[in-house]
Protein backbone atom coordinates (compact mmCIF):
# COMPACT_ATOMS: atom_id res chain seq x y z
CA MET A 1 -14.02 -13.49 225.31
CA THR A 2 -17.00 -12.41 223.23
CA ALA A 3 -17.09 -10.94 219.75
CA ALA A 4 -17.48 -7.47 221.28
CA SER A 5 -14.76 -7.49 223.99
CA ALA A 6 -11.08 -8.23 223.45
CA ILE A 7 -7.49 -7.30 224.29
CA TYR A 8 -5.23 -5.31 221.95
CA VAL A 9 -1.48 -5.79 222.40
CA GLY A 10 1.02 -3.44 220.81
CA SER A 11 2.76 -0.15 221.47
CA VAL A 12 2.35 3.59 221.67
CA MET A 13 4.78 5.97 219.98
CA HIS A 14 5.17 9.71 220.45
CA ARG A 15 7.24 12.06 218.34
CA ARG A 16 7.63 15.72 219.23
CA LEU A 17 8.53 17.72 216.13
CA GLY A 18 9.71 20.93 217.70
CA PRO A 19 11.27 23.05 218.95
CA ARG A 20 13.41 20.02 219.88
CA VAL A 21 12.77 16.62 218.33
CA HIS A 22 11.97 14.01 220.96
CA GLN A 23 10.65 10.50 220.37
CA PHE A 24 9.86 7.40 222.42
CA ARG A 25 7.96 4.14 222.15
CA TYR A 26 6.57 1.85 224.85
CA ARG A 27 4.92 -1.57 224.75
CA GLY A 28 1.47 -1.91 226.22
CA TYR A 29 -1.98 -3.42 225.95
CA TRP A 30 -5.51 -2.15 226.10
CA PHE A 31 -8.89 -3.74 226.75
CA LEU A 32 -11.81 -3.24 224.39
CA LEU A 33 -14.83 -3.62 226.66
CA ASP A 34 -18.46 -3.79 225.61
CA LEU A 35 -20.09 -1.87 228.45
CA ASP A 36 -23.09 -4.21 228.36
CA GLU A 37 -20.82 -7.22 228.97
CA LEU A 38 -19.01 -6.04 232.09
CA ASP A 39 -21.08 -8.15 234.50
CA SER A 40 -20.83 -11.30 232.38
CA LEU A 41 -17.08 -10.84 231.88
CA SER A 42 -16.63 -10.45 235.61
CA ASP A 43 -18.61 -13.65 236.25
CA SER A 44 -16.85 -15.74 233.62
CA LEU A 45 -13.21 -14.65 234.09
CA ARG A 46 -11.12 -15.57 237.11
CA TRP A 47 -8.64 -12.69 236.79
CA PHE A 48 -11.00 -9.86 235.81
CA SER A 49 -13.65 -8.16 237.93
CA TYR A 50 -16.12 -5.31 237.51
CA ASN A 51 -16.06 -2.73 240.32
CA ARG A 52 -14.18 -5.19 242.52
CA LEU A 53 -10.50 -5.72 243.30
CA ASN A 54 -8.75 -8.33 241.17
CA LEU A 55 -5.54 -8.77 239.21
CA PHE A 56 -7.33 -6.91 236.36
CA SER A 57 -10.47 -4.88 236.96
CA PHE A 58 -12.67 -2.16 235.54
CA HIS A 59 -14.26 0.48 237.78
CA ASP A 60 -16.86 2.97 236.61
CA ARG A 61 -15.30 5.74 238.67
CA ASP A 62 -12.03 5.51 236.71
CA HIS A 63 -13.87 7.11 233.79
CA GLY A 64 -16.55 9.71 233.20
CA ASP A 65 -17.09 12.11 236.11
CA GLY A 66 -15.38 9.85 238.64
CA SER A 67 -18.62 8.80 240.32
CA SER A 68 -19.99 5.28 240.75
CA GLU A 69 -22.77 5.98 238.24
CA PRO A 70 -22.58 3.37 235.43
CA ILE A 71 -20.31 4.69 232.74
CA ARG A 72 -22.77 3.83 229.97
CA VAL A 73 -25.35 6.15 231.52
CA GLN A 74 -22.78 8.94 231.61
CA ILE A 75 -21.72 8.41 228.00
CA GLU A 76 -25.32 8.42 226.78
CA ARG A 77 -25.77 11.75 228.58
CA HIS A 78 -22.68 13.16 226.83
CA LEU A 79 -24.00 11.95 223.49
CA ALA A 80 -27.45 13.43 224.06
CA ALA A 81 -25.88 16.80 224.93
CA ALA A 82 -24.06 16.66 221.59
CA GLY A 83 -27.24 15.75 219.73
CA VAL A 84 -26.27 12.11 219.13
CA GLU A 85 -28.76 9.31 219.79
CA ILE A 86 -27.72 5.64 219.78
CA ARG A 87 -31.08 4.21 221.01
CA GLY A 88 -29.66 1.26 222.90
CA GLY A 89 -26.78 0.63 220.53
CA ARG A 90 -23.47 -0.87 221.61
CA VAL A 91 -20.82 1.20 223.41
CA GLN A 92 -17.27 -0.18 223.48
CA LEU A 93 -14.45 1.35 225.49
CA LEU A 94 -10.76 1.11 224.55
CA CYS A 95 -8.70 1.70 227.69
CA MET A 96 -6.19 0.27 230.11
CA PRO A 97 -7.77 -1.63 233.00
CA ARG A 98 -6.80 -1.40 236.60
CA ILE A 99 -3.88 -3.73 237.26
CA MET A 100 -3.39 -4.74 240.91
CA GLY A 101 -5.79 -1.95 241.84
CA TYR A 102 -4.08 0.89 239.95
CA CYS A 103 -4.85 2.58 236.66
CA PHE A 104 -4.08 5.73 234.75
CA ASN A 105 -5.50 6.25 231.27
CA PRO A 106 -4.04 9.20 229.39
CA LEU A 107 -6.67 8.57 226.71
CA SER A 108 -9.81 6.44 226.71
CA ILE A 109 -11.93 6.06 223.58
CA PHE A 110 -15.62 5.16 223.49
CA PHE A 111 -16.95 3.72 220.23
CA CYS A 112 -20.67 4.50 220.25
CA ARG A 113 -22.87 2.63 217.78
CA GLN A 114 -26.48 2.78 216.78
CA ALA A 115 -28.72 -0.27 217.12
CA ASP A 116 -27.86 -1.43 213.58
CA GLY A 117 -24.11 -1.35 214.37
CA THR A 118 -23.36 1.89 212.53
CA LEU A 119 -20.78 4.00 214.32
CA ALA A 120 -22.56 7.13 215.58
CA ALA A 121 -19.81 8.92 217.48
CA LEU A 122 -16.44 8.65 219.13
CA VAL A 123 -15.84 10.03 222.61
CA TYR A 124 -12.20 10.78 223.39
CA GLN A 125 -11.78 11.13 227.14
CA VAL A 126 -8.48 12.73 228.12
CA HIS A 127 -7.08 12.38 231.65
CA ASN A 128 -4.36 14.61 233.08
CA THR A 129 -2.20 14.08 236.13
CA PHE A 130 -4.19 16.66 238.11
CA GLY A 131 -7.00 14.10 238.33
CA GLU A 132 -9.10 16.04 235.82
CA ARG A 133 -10.85 14.60 232.77
CA HIS A 134 -12.35 16.05 229.65
CA SER A 135 -14.42 14.40 226.92
CA TYR A 136 -14.35 15.36 223.25
CA VAL A 137 -17.58 14.07 221.67
CA ILE A 138 -17.31 13.93 217.88
CA PRO A 139 -20.04 12.48 215.62
CA ALA A 140 -18.80 9.90 213.11
CA GLU A 141 -19.33 11.01 209.55
CA SER A 142 -17.19 8.66 207.46
CA VAL A 143 -18.43 5.14 206.74
CA GLY A 144 -15.97 2.25 206.62
CA GLY A 145 -12.18 2.41 206.70
CA SER A 146 -10.48 4.86 209.02
CA ARG A 147 -12.30 7.75 210.65
CA ARG A 148 -10.76 11.22 210.45
CA GLN A 149 -11.92 13.78 212.97
CA ALA A 150 -10.68 17.06 214.43
CA CYS A 151 -11.41 19.48 217.25
CA PRO A 152 -9.75 22.40 219.04
CA LYS A 153 -7.77 21.65 222.18
CA SER A 154 -9.76 22.85 225.19
CA PHE A 155 -8.19 20.96 228.11
CA PHE A 156 -4.79 21.41 229.76
CA VAL A 157 -2.61 18.33 229.59
CA SER A 158 1.10 19.18 229.39
CA PRO A 159 3.13 22.25 230.35
CA PHE A 160 5.18 21.63 227.21
CA LEU A 161 2.19 22.03 224.88
CA ASP A 162 0.35 25.31 224.37
CA MET A 163 -3.43 25.51 224.60
CA GLY A 164 -3.77 27.19 221.20
CA MET A 165 -3.79 23.93 219.23
CA ARG A 166 -6.05 21.60 217.32
CA TYR A 167 -6.19 17.81 217.42
CA ALA A 168 -6.54 15.76 214.24
CA PHE A 169 -7.69 12.20 214.98
CA ARG A 170 -7.46 9.16 212.77
CA VAL A 171 -8.89 5.85 213.99
CA SER A 172 -8.88 2.46 212.26
CA GLY A 173 -10.70 -0.51 213.80
CA PRO A 174 -11.22 -1.95 216.25
CA GLN A 175 -11.19 -5.17 214.27
CA GLU A 176 -8.19 -7.51 213.99
CA ARG A 177 -6.10 -4.42 214.65
CA VAL A 178 -6.75 -1.03 216.15
CA VAL A 179 -4.78 2.09 215.23
CA VAL A 180 -5.45 5.37 217.00
CA GLY A 181 -3.68 8.50 215.91
CA ILE A 182 -3.67 12.15 216.89
CA VAL A 183 -1.66 15.05 215.53
CA ALA A 184 -1.42 18.14 217.73
CA ARG A 185 -1.13 21.21 215.49
CA SER A 186 -0.34 24.82 216.31
CA ALA A 187 -0.81 27.80 214.01
CA THR A 188 2.59 27.05 212.46
CA GLY A 189 2.07 23.33 211.82
CA PRO A 190 2.30 19.91 213.53
CA VAL A 191 3.93 19.95 216.94
CA LEU A 192 3.47 16.38 218.12
CA THR A 193 2.32 13.09 216.66
CA ALA A 194 1.73 9.72 218.28
CA VAL A 195 0.37 6.33 217.29
CA LEU A 196 -1.29 3.61 219.33
CA ASN A 197 -1.16 0.31 217.43
CA GLY A 198 -2.49 -3.00 218.71
CA ALA A 199 -3.31 -6.52 217.51
CA ARG A 200 -6.41 -8.29 218.78
CA ARG A 201 -6.33 -11.20 221.23
CA ASP A 202 -9.06 -13.08 222.98
CA LEU A 203 -10.05 -11.76 226.38
CA ASN A 204 -9.59 -14.89 228.45
CA ASP A 205 -7.77 -15.94 231.61
CA ARG A 206 -4.84 -17.50 229.77
CA ASN A 207 -4.07 -14.31 227.88
CA LEU A 208 -4.55 -12.18 230.99
CA ILE A 209 -1.90 -14.13 232.91
CA ASP A 210 0.41 -14.19 229.90
CA LEU A 211 0.27 -10.40 229.51
CA PHE A 212 0.62 -9.79 233.24
CA LEU A 213 3.88 -11.78 233.22
CA ARG A 214 5.28 -10.51 229.91
CA ILE A 215 4.40 -6.80 230.30
CA PRO A 216 4.07 -6.44 234.08
CA ALA A 217 2.67 -3.43 235.93
CA VAL A 218 1.97 -1.57 232.70
CA THR A 219 -0.33 1.02 234.30
CA PHE A 220 2.36 1.91 236.84
CA LYS A 221 4.83 2.26 233.97
CA VAL A 222 2.50 4.69 232.18
CA ILE A 223 2.50 7.25 234.99
CA ALA A 224 6.24 6.76 235.56
CA ALA A 225 6.96 7.21 231.83
CA ILE A 226 4.93 10.43 231.70
CA HIS A 227 7.12 12.03 234.32
CA TRP A 228 10.34 10.50 233.03
CA GLU A 229 9.81 11.80 229.50
CA ALA A 230 8.82 15.21 230.87
CA LEU A 231 12.04 15.29 232.87
CA ARG A 232 14.01 14.46 229.72
CA LEU A 233 12.30 17.31 227.89
CA TRP A 234 13.06 19.74 230.69
CA ARG A 235 16.70 18.67 230.86
CA ARG A 236 17.04 19.24 227.12
CA GLY A 237 15.87 22.82 227.60
CA SER A 238 12.26 22.66 226.48
CA ASP A 239 10.32 25.70 227.66
CA CYS A 240 7.14 25.41 229.68
CA VAL A 241 4.61 27.04 227.38
CA GLY A 242 1.40 26.07 229.14
CA ILE A 243 1.27 27.11 232.79
CA ARG A 244 -1.69 25.70 234.67
CA PRO A 245 -2.69 26.76 238.21
CA LEU A 246 -3.48 23.94 240.59
CA PRO A 247 -7.17 23.15 240.09
CA ARG A 248 -9.76 21.94 242.50
CA ILE A 249 -9.74 18.16 242.11
CA ARG A 250 -13.11 16.92 240.95
CA SER A 251 -12.23 13.38 239.99
CA ARG A 252 -9.10 11.30 240.09
CA SER A 253 -8.01 8.00 238.62
CA CYS A 254 -7.48 5.29 241.20
CA GLY A 255 -4.36 5.81 243.25
CA GLN A 256 -3.09 8.61 241.02
CA PRO A 257 0.08 10.20 242.42
CA ARG A 258 0.48 13.93 242.88
CA PHE A 259 3.82 15.13 241.52
CA SER A 260 5.25 18.65 241.86
CA TRP A 261 7.70 20.08 239.37
CA ASN A 262 8.48 23.23 241.37
CA GLU A 263 12.12 22.35 241.97
CA LEU A 264 12.87 21.29 238.42
CA CYS A 265 11.31 24.33 236.80
CA ARG A 266 12.94 27.00 238.88
CA PRO A 267 14.83 29.33 236.51
CA ARG A 268 18.14 27.75 235.51
CA LYS A 269 21.10 30.12 235.51
CA ASN A 270 22.42 31.06 232.09
CA LYS A 271 20.11 28.57 230.40
CA LEU A 272 16.77 30.35 230.25
CA SER A 273 15.56 32.79 227.67
CA SER A 274 14.55 36.22 228.92
CA ASP A 275 10.97 35.37 227.96
CA ARG A 276 10.99 32.33 230.21
CA ARG A 277 12.54 34.30 233.08
CA GLU A 278 9.63 36.71 232.82
CA ARG A 279 7.18 33.86 233.04
CA GLY A 280 9.14 32.42 235.94
CA CYS A 281 8.00 28.95 234.99
CA ARG A 282 5.92 28.67 238.15
CA LEU A 283 5.57 24.93 238.12
CA ASP A 284 5.06 24.86 241.86
CA GLN A 285 1.39 24.94 240.87
CA ILE A 286 1.37 22.27 238.23
CA HIS A 287 2.09 18.62 237.85
CA CYS A 288 3.66 17.52 234.61
CA SER A 289 0.82 16.08 232.57
CA SER A 290 0.52 13.32 230.09
CA LEU A 291 2.29 13.66 226.80
CA CYS A 292 0.28 10.70 225.67
CA CYS A 293 -3.04 12.47 226.04
CA ASP A 294 -2.02 15.44 224.04
CA GLY A 295 -0.94 13.33 221.17
CA CYS A 296 -1.89 9.71 220.96
CA SER A 297 -1.71 10.41 217.36
CA ALA A 298 -0.91 9.45 213.85
CA ALA A 299 0.78 11.11 210.97
């Protein structure tokens, strides 16, 4: 490992506050990768590769616009469009890597620093299960401690969360620990909160093998958990409030499955409100999207 790249081991928790309370927690781990170190990490680690198949790997096309263009170049372009200049400063990415060739990142966070190390901006890249991605670029204003940021929701993620919401972010670290929080708020108050919490470990081959054995196939579990928790919500009677037509796929995370909810969201006899019958819940055109994206959040 270097001082700039590491592994964070911990958990992610989600709590839906209404109309029906629903909560879950899963163990996981995330890599913090200095984008300027990807080649050297790939050369020095046996079990990690950059843009090549390995037990753990990082591929540029799993982020950004899905192309093979280096992700740092893409992020600098996003920053410039938002009026943020880092002038060669460090960019670190907190994300899940590919594991055995597969990855799905509900949320990836880029920590963008100026040349003197000052945090200039955070880029929150949200991925949904349609294969689409959207980046929220927010300049960093607070100095030291946790950063508090907010922005309106402008990207469809879950059929159980309306589009008319705002995200409130709170980020601490990454140092010995990293804590990432988001609260999804509607006009009537908080709807969903979640917290990603991790403790730092060295990025070395010993820790890679240890995590692979102790928390196996974690990226496969992420996509499975998204659909499992959505099924639980549906079975408990949660209405589909955000209906999304099937988009034209522009980019897709490696190996991402396509999942149709048309059978599950057909109107259920004697269990649907008249409002929902009118909407018809046409989930033949949507795939249930990541709860994690819409609220990797903190109270």
